[in-house]
């Protein structure tokens, strides 16, 4: 069973219903980083986004939905 979560008109595929909470938390975390322009421990936004995208999964889908990759 898979579910979806809509973020900025993009569908994020969830493997379990509990992944919705994870997707929302990841979205809030990334949005806070953008708002505060805080990319620590990375040196810049590009390095942070690249590292997070390599982790894949929900995090990568959220980055794509936020048009960061």
PDB file of N, CA and C in Angstrom:
ATOM      1  N   UNK A   1       0.831  -1.173   0.000  1.00  0.00           N
ATOM      2  CA  UNK A   1       0.000   0.000   0.000  1.00  0.00           C
ATOM      3  C   UNK A   1       0.882   1.244   0.000  1.00  0.00           C
ATOM      4  N   UNK A   2       0.588   2.163  -0.914  1.00  0.00           N
ATOM      5  CA  UNK A   2       1.313   3.417  -0.902  1.00  0.00           C
ATOM      6  C   UNK A   2       0.307   4.558  -0.909  1.00  0.00           C
ATOM      7  N   UNK A   3       0.698   5.635  -0.310  1.00  0.00           N
ATOM      8  CA  UNK A   3      -0.145   6.809  -0.184  1.00  0.00           C
ATOM      9  C   UNK A   3       0.630   7.958  -0.809  1.00  0.00           C
ATOM     10  N   UNK A   4      -0.003   9.100  -0.959  1.00  0.00           N
ATOM     11  CA  UNK A   4       0.706  10.269  -1.478  1.00  0.00           C
ATOM     12  C   UNK A   4       0.455  11.464  -0.580  1.00  0.00           C
ATOM     13  N   UNK A   5       1.349  12.406  -0.673  1.00  0.00           N
ATOM     14  CA  UNK A   5       1.291  13.652   0.079  1.00  0.00           C
ATOM     15  C   UNK A   5       1.548  14.750  -0.941  1.00  0.00           C
ATOM     16  N   UNK A   6       0.691  15.743  -1.013  1.00  0.00           N
ATOM     17  CA  UNK A   6       0.860  16.802  -1.995  1.00  0.00           C
ATOM     18  C   UNK A   6       1.608  17.975  -1.385  1.00  0.00           C
ATOM     19  N   UNK A   7       2.639  18.405  -2.094  1.00  0.00           N
ATOM     20  CA  UNK A   7       3.454  19.532  -1.657  1.00  0.00           C
ATOM     21  C   UNK A   7       3.728  20.398  -2.876  1.00  0.00           C
ATOM     22  N   UNK A   8       3.213  21.613  -2.860  1.00  0.00           N
ATOM     23  CA  UNK A   8       3.401  22.551  -3.971  1.00  0.00           C
ATOM     24  C   UNK A   8       3.042  21.920  -5.311  1.00  0.00           C
ATOM     25  N   UNK A   9       1.881  21.313  -5.373  1.00  0.00           N
ATOM     26  CA  UNK A   9       1.343  20.679  -6.585  1.00  0.00           C
ATOM     27  C   UNK A   9       2.165  19.491  -7.071  1.00  0.00           C
ATOM     28  N   UNK A  10       3.019  18.940  -6.230  1.00  0.00           N
ATOM     29  CA  UNK A  10       3.789  17.733  -6.560  1.00  0.00           C
ATOM     30  C   UNK A  10       3.372  16.622  -5.615  1.00  0.00           C
ATOM     31  N   UNK A  11       3.301  15.420  -6.123  1.00  0.00           N
ATOM     32  CA  UNK A  11       2.918  14.263  -5.319  1.00  0.00           C
ATOM     33  C   UNK A  11       4.173  13.594  -4.766  1.00  0.00           C
ATOM     34  N   UNK A  12       4.204  13.409  -3.472  1.00  0.00           N
ATOM     35  CA  UNK A  12       5.295  12.688  -2.816  1.00  0.00           C
ATOM     36  C   UNK A  12       4.738  11.315  -2.467  1.00  0.00           C
ATOM     37  N   UNK A  13       5.391  10.278  -2.957  1.00  0.00           N
ATOM     38  CA  UNK A  13       4.927   8.912  -2.745  1.00  0.00           C
ATOM     39  C   UNK A  13       5.384   8.438  -1.372  1.00  0.00           C
ATOM     40  N   UNK A  14       4.428   7.969  -0.581  1.00  0.00           N
ATOM     41  CA  UNK A  14       4.710   7.487   0.768  1.00  0.00           C
ATOM     42  C   UNK A  14       4.551   5.974   0.793  1.00  0.00           C
ATOM     43  N   UNK A  15       5.512   5.276   1.352  1.00  0.00           N
ATOM     44  CA  UNK A  15       5.457   3.824   1.440  1.00  0.00           C
ATOM     45  C   UNK A  15       4.553   3.358   2.576  1.00  0.00           C
ATOM     46  N   UNK A  16       4.427   4.178   3.602  1.00  0.00           N
ATOM     47  CA  UNK A  16       3.581   3.854   4.759  1.00  0.00           C
ATOM     48  C   UNK A  16       2.872   5.126   5.190  1.00  0.00           C
ATOM     49  N   UNK A  17       1.741   4.986   5.808  1.00  0.00           N
ATOM     50  CA  UNK A  17       0.993   6.171   6.224  1.00  0.00           C
ATOM     51  C   UNK A  17       1.777   7.015   7.233  1.00  0.00           C
ATOM     52  N   UNK A  18       2.657   6.395   7.989  1.00  0.00           N
ATOM     53  CA  UNK A  18       3.473   7.145   8.958  1.00  0.00           C
ATOM     54  C   UNK A  18       4.507   8.024   8.260  1.00  0.00           C
ATOM     55  N   UNK A  19       4.782   7.777   6.976  1.00  0.00           N
ATOM     56  CA  UNK A  19       5.739   8.598   6.230  1.00  0.00           C
ATOM     57  C   UNK A  19       5.229  10.021   6.010  1.00  0.00           C
ATOM     58  N   UNK A  20       3.928  10.244   6.147  1.00  0.00           N
ATOM     59  CA  UNK A  20       3.369  11.587   5.996  1.00  0.00           C
ATOM     60  C   UNK A  20       3.993  12.522   7.034  1.00  0.00           C
ATOM     61  N   UNK A  21       4.124  12.041   8.252  1.00  0.00           N
ATOM     62  CA  UNK A  21       4.727  12.845   9.322  1.00  0.00           C
ATOM     63  C   UNK A  21       6.186  13.145   8.983  1.00  0.00           C
ATOM     64  N   UNK A  22       6.880  12.167   8.448  1.00  0.00           N
ATOM     65  CA  UNK A  22       8.279  12.349   8.061  1.00  0.00           C
ATOM     66  C   UNK A  22       8.380  13.399   6.957  1.00  0.00           C
ATOM     67  N   UNK A  23       7.530  13.312   5.947  1.00  0.00           N
ATOM     68  CA  UNK A  23       7.550  14.264   4.833  1.00  0.00           C
ATOM     69  C   UNK A  23       7.284  15.683   5.335  1.00  0.00           C
ATOM     70  N   UNK A  24       6.332  15.836   6.236  1.00  0.00           N
ATOM     71  CA  UNK A  24       6.030  17.155   6.789  1.00  0.00           C
ATOM     72  C   UNK A  24       7.201  17.694   7.605  1.00  0.00           C
ATOM     73  N   UNK A  25       7.845  16.819   8.373  1.00  0.00           N
ATOM     74  CA  UNK A  25       8.995  17.247   9.177  1.00  0.00           C
ATOM     75  C   UNK A  25      10.155  17.663   8.278  1.00  0.00           C
ATOM     76  N   UNK A  26      10.425  16.884   7.234  1.00  0.00           N
ATOM     77  CA  UNK A  26      11.505  17.206   6.299  1.00  0.00           C
ATOM     78  C   UNK A  26      11.212  18.540   5.613  1.00  0.00           C
ATOM     79  N   UNK A  27       9.959  18.748   5.201  1.00  0.00           N
ATOM     80  CA  UNK A  27       9.582  19.988   4.547  1.00  0.00           C
ATOM     81  C   UNK A  27       9.808  21.186   5.479  1.00  0.00           C
ATOM     82  N   UNK A  28       9.382  21.061   6.742  1.00  0.00           N
ATOM     83  CA  UNK A  28       9.582  22.153   7.706  1.00  0.00           C
ATOM     84  C   UNK A  28      11.069  22.421   7.938  1.00  0.00           C
ATOM     85  N   UNK A  29      11.857  21.365   8.028  1.00  0.00           N
ATOM     86  CA  UNK A  29      13.296  21.503   8.252  1.00  0.00           C
ATOM     87  C   UNK A  29      13.956  22.246   7.092  1.00  0.00           C
ATOM     88  N   UNK A  30      13.668  21.831   5.880  1.00  0.00           N
ATOM     89  CA  UNK A  30      14.274  22.465   4.715  1.00  0.00           C
ATOM     90  C   UNK A  30      13.785  23.903   4.584  1.00  0.00           C
ATOM     91  N   UNK A  31      12.501  24.138   4.821  1.00  0.00           N
ATOM     92  CA  UNK A  31      11.965  25.496   4.728  1.00  0.00           C
ATOM     93  C   UNK A  31      12.609  26.408   5.769  1.00  0.00           C
ATOM     94  N   UNK A  32      12.848  25.885   6.965  1.00  0.00           N
ATOM     95  CA  UNK A  32      13.525  26.691   7.996  1.00  0.00           C
ATOM     96  C   UNK A  32      14.931  27.059   7.547  1.00  0.00           C
ATOM     97  N   UNK A  33      15.639  26.076   6.953  1.00  0.00           N
ATOM     98  CA  UNK A  33      16.991  26.350   6.470  1.00  0.00           C
ATOM     99  C   UNK A  33      16.982  27.444   5.410  1.00  0.00           C
ATOM    100  N   UNK A  34      15.982  27.400   4.517  1.00  0.00           N
ATOM    101  CA  UNK A  34      15.866  28.414   3.471  1.00  0.00           C
ATOM    102  C   UNK A  34      15.571  29.771   4.098  1.00  0.00           C
ATOM    103  N   UNK A  35      14.586  29.832   4.984  1.00  0.00           N
ATOM    104  CA  UNK A  35      14.190  31.087   5.619  1.00  0.00           C
ATOM    105  C   UNK A  35      15.327  31.732   6.399  1.00  0.00           C
ATOM    106  N   UNK A  36      16.095  30.907   7.106  1.00  0.00           N
ATOM    107  CA  UNK A  36      17.175  31.430   7.949  1.00  0.00           C
ATOM    108  C   UNK A  36      18.507  31.507   7.208  1.00  0.00           C
ATOM    109  N   UNK A  37      18.545  31.004   5.970  1.00  0.00           N
ATOM    110  CA  UNK A  37      19.786  30.939   5.187  1.00  0.00           C
ATOM    111  C   UNK A  37      20.903  30.281   6.016  1.00  0.00           C
ATOM    112  N   UNK A  38      20.542  29.172   6.645  1.00  0.00           N
ATOM    113  CA  UNK A  38      21.445  28.424   7.530  1.00  0.00           C
ATOM    114  C   UNK A  38      21.723  27.062   6.903  1.00  0.00           C
ATOM    115  N   UNK A  39      22.935  26.864   6.423  1.00  0.00           N
ATOM    116  CA  UNK A  39      23.272  25.614   5.722  1.00  0.00           C
ATOM    117  C   UNK A  39      24.300  24.795   6.474  1.00  0.00           C
ATOM    118  N   UNK A  40      24.571  25.164   7.739  1.00  0.00           N
ATOM    119  CA  UNK A  40      25.547  24.409   8.519  1.00  0.00           C
ATOM    120  C   UNK A  40      25.133  22.950   8.629  1.00  0.00           C
ATOM    121  N   UNK A  41      26.026  22.033   8.605  1.00  0.00           N
ATOM    122  CA  UNK A  41      27.484  22.146   8.568  1.00  0.00           C
ATOM    123  C   UNK A  41      28.052  22.316   7.158  1.00  0.00           C
ATOM    124  N   UNK A  42      27.189  22.499   6.171  1.00  0.00           N
ATOM    125  CA  UNK A  42      27.649  22.674   4.799  1.00  0.00           C
ATOM    126  C   UNK A  42      28.065  24.121   4.582  1.00  0.00           C
ATOM    127  N   UNK A  43      28.909  24.355   3.582  1.00  0.00           N
ATOM    128  CA  UNK A  43      29.417  25.701   3.354  1.00  0.00           C
ATOM    129  C   UNK A  43      28.453  26.576   2.581  1.00  0.00           C
ATOM    130  N   UNK A  44      27.526  25.943   1.845  1.00  0.00           N
ATOM    131  CA  UNK A  44      26.577  26.728   1.068  1.00  0.00           C
ATOM    132  C   UNK A  44      25.320  25.901   0.787  1.00  0.00           C
ATOM    133  N   UNK A  45      24.320  26.571   0.262  1.00  0.00           N
ATOM    134  CA  UNK A  45      23.040  25.933  -0.052  1.00  0.00           C
ATOM    135  C   UNK A  45      23.227  24.783  -1.049  1.00  0.00           C
ATOM    136  N   UNK A  46      24.025  24.999  -2.077  1.00  0.00           N
ATOM    137  CA  UNK A  46      24.223  23.976  -3.105  1.00  0.00           C
ATOM    138  C   UNK A  46      24.806  22.697  -2.509  1.00  0.00           C
ATOM    139  N   UNK A  47      25.789  22.825  -1.616  1.00  0.00           N
ATOM    140  CA  UNK A  47      26.390  21.653  -0.971  1.00  0.00           C
ATOM    141  C   UNK A  47      25.368  20.920  -0.107  1.00  0.00           C
ATOM    142  N   UNK A  48      24.559  21.665   0.618  1.00  0.00           N
ATOM    143  CA  UNK A  48      23.547  21.057   1.484  1.00  0.00           C
ATOM    144  C   UNK A  48      22.518  20.309   0.657  1.00  0.00           C
ATOM    145  N   UNK A  49      22.010  20.948  -0.379  1.00  0.00           N
ATOM    146  CA  UNK A  49      20.993  20.318  -1.229  1.00  0.00           C
ATOM    147  C   UNK A  49      21.545  19.065  -1.887  1.00  0.00           C
ATOM    148  N   UNK A  50      22.767  19.135  -2.370  1.00  0.00           N
ATOM    149  CA  UNK A  50      23.384  17.971  -3.015  1.00  0.00           C
ATOM    150  C   UNK A  50      23.518  16.804  -2.029  1.00  0.00           C
ATOM    151  N   UNK A  51      23.958  17.088  -0.827  1.00  0.00           N
ATOM    152  CA  UNK A  51      24.126  16.042   0.188  1.00  0.00           C
ATOM    153  C   UNK A  51      22.780  15.447   0.574  1.00  0.00           C
ATOM    154  N   UNK A  52      21.775  16.282   0.769  1.00  0.00           N
ATOM    155  CA  UNK A  52      20.455  15.789   1.150  1.00  0.00           C
ATOM    156  C   UNK A  52      19.823  14.981   0.024  1.00  0.00           C
ATOM    157  N   UNK A  53      20.030  15.413  -1.223  1.00  0.00           N
ATOM    158  CA  UNK A  53      19.434  14.712  -2.362  1.00  0.00           C
ATOM    159  C   UNK A  53      20.025  13.305  -2.501  1.00  0.00           C
ATOM    160  N   UNK A  54      21.317  13.183  -2.214  1.00  0.00           N
ATOM    161  CA  UNK A  54      21.974  11.859  -2.296  1.00  0.00           C
ATOM    162  C   UNK A  54      21.374  10.864  -1.314  1.00  0.00           C
ATOM    163  N   UNK A  55      20.765  11.342  -0.239  1.00  0.00           N
ATOM    164  CA  UNK A  55      20.139  10.451   0.731  1.00  0.00           C
ATOM    165  C   UNK A  55      18.895   9.784   0.148  1.00  0.00           C
ATOM    166  N   UNK A  56      18.312  10.423  -0.861  1.00  0.00           N
ATOM    167  CA  UNK A  56      17.174   9.832  -1.561  1.00  0.00           C
ATOM    168  C   UNK A  56      15.902   9.813  -0.741  1.00  0.00           C
ATOM    169  N   UNK A  57      14.974   8.975  -1.166  1.00  0.00           N
ATOM    170  CA  UNK A  57      13.722   8.779  -0.452  1.00  0.00           C
ATOM    171  C   UNK A  57      12.852  10.012  -0.384  1.00  0.00           C
ATOM    172  N   UNK A  58      12.183  10.157   0.736  1.00  0.00           N
ATOM    173  CA  UNK A  58      11.257  11.267   0.937  1.00  0.00           C
ATOM    174  C   UNK A  58      11.990  12.598   0.847  1.00  0.00           C
ATOM    175  N   UNK A  59      13.190  12.670   1.390  1.00  0.00           N
ATOM    176  CA  UNK A  59      13.959  13.920   1.389  1.00  0.00           C
ATOM    177  C   UNK A  59      14.182  14.396  -0.050  1.00  0.00           C
ATOM    178  N   UNK A  60      14.565  13.491  -0.944  1.00  0.00           N
ATOM    179  CA  UNK A  60      14.801  13.855  -2.339  1.00  0.00           C
ATOM    180  C   UNK A  60      13.512  14.336  -2.999  1.00  0.00           C
ATOM    181  N   UNK A  61      12.401  13.680  -2.697  1.00  0.00           N
ATOM    182  CA  UNK A  61      11.120  14.092  -3.269  1.00  0.00           C
ATOM    183  C   UNK A  61      10.712  15.479  -2.777  1.00  0.00           C
ATOM    184  N   UNK A  62      10.973  15.778  -1.509  1.00  0.00           N
ATOM    185  CA  UNK A  62      10.654  17.101  -0.961  1.00  0.00           C
ATOM    186  C   UNK A  62      11.531  18.161  -1.627  1.00  0.00           C
ATOM    187  N   UNK A  63      12.813  17.882  -1.818  1.00  0.00           N
ATOM    188  CA  UNK A  63      13.701  18.831  -2.497  1.00  0.00           C
ATOM    189  C   UNK A  63      13.210  19.120  -3.907  1.00  0.00           C
ATOM    190  N   UNK A  64      12.768  18.094  -4.605  1.00  0.00           N
ATOM    191  CA  UNK A  64      12.236  18.278  -5.954  1.00  0.00           C
ATOM    192  C   UNK A  64      10.952  19.103  -5.919  1.00  0.00           C
ATOM    193  N   UNK A  65      10.080  18.830  -4.969  1.00  0.00           N
ATOM    194  CA  UNK A  65       8.826  19.577  -4.856  1.00  0.00           C
ATOM    195  C   UNK A  65       9.077  21.047  -4.555  1.00  0.00           C
ATOM    196  N   UNK A  66      10.138  21.342  -3.823  1.00  0.00           N
ATOM    197  CA  UNK A  66      10.487  22.715  -3.500  1.00  0.00           C
ATOM    198  C   UNK A  66      11.341  23.365  -4.591  1.00  0.00           C
ATOM    199  N   UNK A  67      11.529  22.638  -5.707  1.00  0.00           N
ATOM    200  CA  UNK A  67      12.322  23.117  -6.858  1.00  0.00           C
ATOM    201  C   UNK A  67      13.753  23.477  -6.482  1.00  0.00           C
ATOM    202  N   UNK A  68      14.340  22.674  -5.624  1.00  0.00           N
ATOM    203  CA  UNK A  68      15.730  22.894  -5.223  1.00  0.00           C
ATOM    204  C   UNK A  68      16.709  22.048  -6.027  1.00  0.00           C
ATOM    205  N   UNK A  69      16.182  21.049  -6.733  1.00  0.00           N
ATOM    206  CA  UNK A  69      17.025  20.212  -7.613  1.00  0.00           C
ATOM    207  C   UNK A  69      16.409  20.152  -8.988  1.00  0.00           C
TER     208      UNK A  69
END
